[in-house]
C-alpha atoms as a PDB file:
ATOM      1  CA  UNK A   1     145.878  16.548 -19.820  1.00  0.00           C
ATOM      2  CA  UNK A   2     142.826  14.567 -18.784  1.00  0.00           C
ATOM      3  CA  UNK A   3     139.842  14.756 -21.158  1.00  0.00           C
ATOM      4  CA  UNK A   4     136.416  13.339 -20.329  1.00  0.00           C
ATOM      5  CA  UNK A   5     134.437  13.384 -23.545  1.00  0.00           C
ATOM      6  CA  UNK A   6     130.644  13.310 -23.845  1.00  0.00           C
ATOM      7  CA  UNK A   7     129.878  13.977 -20.182  1.00  0.00           C
ATOM      8  CA  UNK A   8     126.252  14.809 -20.982  1.00  0.00           C
ATOM      9  CA  UNK A   9     123.853  15.854 -23.711  1.00  0.00           C
ATOM     10  CA  UNK A  10     120.806  18.108 -23.351  1.00  0.00           C
ATOM     11  CA  UNK A  11     118.566  19.405 -26.160  1.00  0.00           C
ATOM     12  CA  UNK A  12     121.320  18.810 -28.674  1.00  0.00           C
ATOM     13  CA  UNK A  13     124.094  20.531 -26.707  1.00  0.00           C
ATOM     14  CA  UNK A  14     127.012  18.279 -25.815  1.00  0.00           C
ATOM     15  CA  UNK A  15     129.499  18.745 -22.996  1.00  0.00           C
ATOM     16  CA  UNK A  16     133.033  17.574 -22.299  1.00  0.00           C
ATOM     17  CA  UNK A  17     135.475  18.509 -19.555  1.00  0.00           C
ATOM     18  CA  UNK A  18     139.252  18.537 -19.429  1.00  0.00           C
ATOM     19  CA  UNK A  19     142.030  19.839 -17.241  1.00  0.00           C
ATOM     20  CA  UNK A  20     145.470  19.438 -15.805  1.00  0.00           C
ATOM     21  CA  UNK A  21     148.134  21.074 -13.655  1.00  0.00           C
ATOM     22  CA  UNK A  22     148.487  24.779 -14.402  1.00  0.00           C
ATOM     23  CA  UNK A  23     150.131  27.589 -12.439  1.00  0.00           C
ATOM     24  CA  UNK A  24     149.505  30.814 -14.385  1.00  0.00           C
ATOM     25  CA  UNK A  25     147.368  32.580 -16.957  1.00  0.00           C
ATOM     26  CA  UNK A  26     150.113  32.039 -19.557  1.00  0.00           C
ATOM     27  CA  UNK A  27     150.066  28.286 -18.856  1.00  0.00           C
ATOM     28  CA  UNK A  28     146.257  28.333 -19.049  1.00  0.00           C
ATOM     29  CA  UNK A  29     146.375  29.942 -22.490  1.00  0.00           C
ATOM     30  CA  UNK A  30     148.945  27.358 -23.611  1.00  0.00           C
ATOM     31  CA  UNK A  31     146.677  24.587 -22.251  1.00  0.00           C
ATOM     32  CA  UNK A  32     143.704  25.918 -24.259  1.00  0.00           C
ATOM     33  CA  UNK A  33     145.878  26.227 -27.362  1.00  0.00           C
ATOM     34  CA  UNK A  34     146.901  22.572 -26.981  1.00  0.00           C
ATOM     35  CA  UNK A  35     143.291  21.506 -26.390  1.00  0.00           C
ATOM     36  CA  UNK A  36     141.964  23.230 -29.498  1.00  0.00           C
ATOM     37  CA  UNK A  37     144.603  21.573 -31.654  1.00  0.00           C
ATOM     38  CA  UNK A  38     142.167  18.682 -31.466  1.00  0.00           C
ATOM     39  CA  UNK A  39     139.778  19.480 -34.303  1.00  0.00           C
ATOM     40  CA  UNK A  40     136.711  18.527 -32.268  1.00  0.00           C
ATOM     41  CA  UNK A  41     137.532  21.071 -29.537  1.00  0.00           C
ATOM     42  CA  UNK A  42     138.457  23.767 -32.055  1.00  0.00           C
ATOM     43  CA  UNK A  43     134.900  23.476 -33.438  1.00  0.00           C
ATOM     44  CA  UNK A  44     133.275  23.799 -29.983  1.00  0.00           C
ATOM     45  CA  UNK A  45     131.004  26.742 -29.293  1.00  0.00           C
ATOM     46  CA  UNK A  46     132.544  27.404 -25.855  1.00  0.00           C
ATOM     47  CA  UNK A  47     135.730  26.338 -24.051  1.00  0.00           C
ATOM     48  CA  UNK A  48     135.067  27.908 -20.645  1.00  0.00           C
ATOM     49  CA  UNK A  49     137.735  27.592 -17.971  1.00  0.00           C
ATOM     50  CA  UNK A  50     138.692  28.434 -14.417  1.00  0.00           C
ATOM     51  CA  UNK A  51     141.942  28.276 -12.481  1.00  0.00           C
ATOM     52  CA  UNK A  52     143.033  29.329  -9.000  1.00  0.00           C
ATOM     53  CA  UNK A  53     146.696  30.359  -8.922  1.00  0.00           C
ATOM     54  CA  UNK A  54     148.879  31.544  -6.050  1.00  0.00           C
ATOM     55  CA  UNK A  55     148.054  35.073  -7.284  1.00  0.00           C
ATOM     56  CA  UNK A  56     144.294  34.483  -7.264  1.00  0.00           C
ATOM     57  CA  UNK A  57     141.471  33.229  -9.475  1.00  0.00           C
ATOM     58  CA  UNK A  58     141.488  33.477 -13.274  1.00  0.00           C
ATOM     59  CA  UNK A  59     138.623  32.557 -15.605  1.00  0.00           C
ATOM     60  CA  UNK A  60     137.434  32.849 -19.177  1.00  0.00           C
ATOM     61  CA  UNK A  61     133.753  32.447 -20.075  1.00  0.00           C
ATOM     62  CA  UNK A  62     134.443  32.153 -23.826  1.00  0.00           C
ATOM     63  CA  UNK A  63     130.968  33.494 -24.567  1.00  0.00           C
ATOM     64  CA  UNK A  64     129.168  31.320 -21.976  1.00  0.00           C
ATOM     65  CA  UNK A  65     128.471  34.199 -19.575  1.00  0.00           C
ATOM     66  CA  UNK A  66     128.821  33.215 -15.918  1.00  0.00           C
ATOM     67  CA  UNK A  67     130.174  29.718 -16.534  1.00  0.00           C
ATOM     68  CA  UNK A  68     133.734  30.640 -15.516  1.00  0.00           C
ATOM     69  CA  UNK A  69     132.428  31.800 -12.130  1.00  0.00           C
ATOM     70  CA  UNK A  70     130.661  28.460 -11.630  1.00  0.00           C
ATOM     71  CA  UNK A  71     133.941  26.631 -12.267  1.00  0.00           C
ATOM     72  CA  UNK A  72     135.859  28.938  -9.898  1.00  0.00           C
ATOM     73  CA  UNK A  73     133.299  28.515  -7.089  1.00  0.00           C
ATOM     74  CA  UNK A  74     133.581  24.742  -7.347  1.00  0.00           C
ATOM     75  CA  UNK A  75     137.406  24.849  -7.331  1.00  0.00           C
ATOM     76  CA  UNK A  76     137.353  27.184  -4.315  1.00  0.00           C
ATOM     77  CA  UNK A  77     134.928  24.920  -2.446  1.00  0.00           C
ATOM     78  CA  UNK A  78     137.196  21.931  -2.989  1.00  0.00           C
ATOM     79  CA  UNK A  79     140.379  23.884  -2.264  1.00  0.00           C
ATOM     80  CA  UNK A  80     141.853  23.029  -5.676  1.00  0.00           C
ATOM     81  CA  UNK A  81     144.719  25.321  -6.694  1.00  0.00           C
ATOM     82  CA  UNK A  82     147.123  25.100  -9.609  1.00  0.00           C
ATOM     83  CA  UNK A  83     144.769  22.995 -11.723  1.00  0.00           C
ATOM     84  CA  UNK A  84     142.837  24.288 -14.756  1.00  0.00           C
ATOM     85  CA  UNK A  85     139.379  22.896 -15.507  1.00  0.00           C
ATOM     86  CA  UNK A  86     137.878  23.489 -18.965  1.00  0.00           C
ATOM     87  CA  UNK A  87     134.202  22.814 -19.710  1.00  0.00           C
ATOM     88  CA  UNK A  88     133.546  22.497 -23.441  1.00  0.00           C
ATOM     89  CA  UNK A  89     130.091  22.909 -24.979  1.00  0.00           C
ATOM     90  CA  UNK A  90     128.927  22.281 -28.503  1.00  0.00           C
ATOM     91  CA  UNK A  91     125.696  24.261 -28.899  1.00  0.00           C
ATOM     92  CA  UNK A  92     122.803  22.122 -30.063  1.00  0.00           C
ATOM     93  CA  UNK A  93     120.465  24.816 -31.372  1.00  0.00           C
ATOM     94  CA  UNK A  94     118.228  25.279 -28.318  1.00  0.00           C
ATOM     95  CA  UNK A  95     118.840  27.621 -25.410  1.00  0.00           C
ATOM     96  CA  UNK A  96     119.270  25.826 -22.091  1.00  0.00           C
ATOM     97  CA  UNK A  97     118.654  28.793 -19.800  1.00  0.00           C
ATOM     98  CA  UNK A  98     119.792  28.169 -16.230  1.00  0.00           C
ATOM     99  CA  UNK A  99     120.247  24.456 -16.921  1.00  0.00           C
ATOM    100  CA  UNK A 100     123.571  25.267 -18.566  1.00  0.00           C
ATOM    101  CA  UNK A 101     125.016  26.163 -15.145  1.00  0.00           C
ATOM    102  CA  UNK A 102     123.851  22.865 -13.706  1.00  0.00           C
ATOM    103  CA  UNK A 103     125.562  21.103 -16.628  1.00  0.00           C
ATOM    104  CA  UNK A 104     128.807  23.002 -15.992  1.00  0.00           C
ATOM    105  CA  UNK A 105     128.638  21.853 -12.360  1.00  0.00           C
ATOM    106  CA  UNK A 106     128.055  18.245 -13.431  1.00  0.00           C
ATOM    107  CA  UNK A 107     131.032  18.395 -15.791  1.00  0.00           C
ATOM    108  CA  UNK A 108     133.364  19.926 -13.189  1.00  0.00           C
ATOM    109  CA  UNK A 109     132.260  17.378 -10.562  1.00  0.00           C
ATOM    110  CA  UNK A 110     132.982  14.535 -13.003  1.00  0.00           C
ATOM    111  CA  UNK A 111     136.438  15.956 -13.736  1.00  0.00           C
ATOM    112  CA  UNK A 112     137.356  16.476 -10.071  1.00  0.00           C
ATOM    113  CA  UNK A 113     136.304  12.905  -9.261  1.00  0.00           C
ATOM    114  CA  UNK A 114     138.193  11.418 -12.238  1.00  0.00           C
ATOM    115  CA  UNK A 115     141.328  13.444 -11.416  1.00  0.00           C
ATOM    116  CA  UNK A 116     141.194  12.409  -7.753  1.00  0.00           C
ATOM    117  CA  UNK A 117     140.514  15.981  -6.659  1.00  0.00           C
ATOM    118  CA  UNK A 118     136.892  15.424  -5.630  1.00  0.00           C
ATOM    119  CA  UNK A 119     137.748  14.966  -1.980  1.00  0.00           C
ATOM    120  CA  UNK A 120     140.366  17.687  -1.774  1.00  0.00           C
END
């Protein structure tokens, strides 16, 4: 599990991104369960994730409507399969509107680069 903490902050909201090898929805749920054992991530407002398996794409917005699709699009563009990417947000009290999607993209890009998947 690779965790990149404090990727960015905007109007009080804070973002982190994490991920690792994952082949199924069951493994994805186990990954999230492991992630939220860390108290900080358990207290997050959203742990949004995307994963492309051999059976197709799987996502969970965790209340951040549309964010899972952003993650999936980026994974598809890079041809990344069998690797879950989780974008975590701690809500800072102010709505970000469409900027939240840009922040999800920034977080996923940072993760793919750090994991050596950015040029896949």
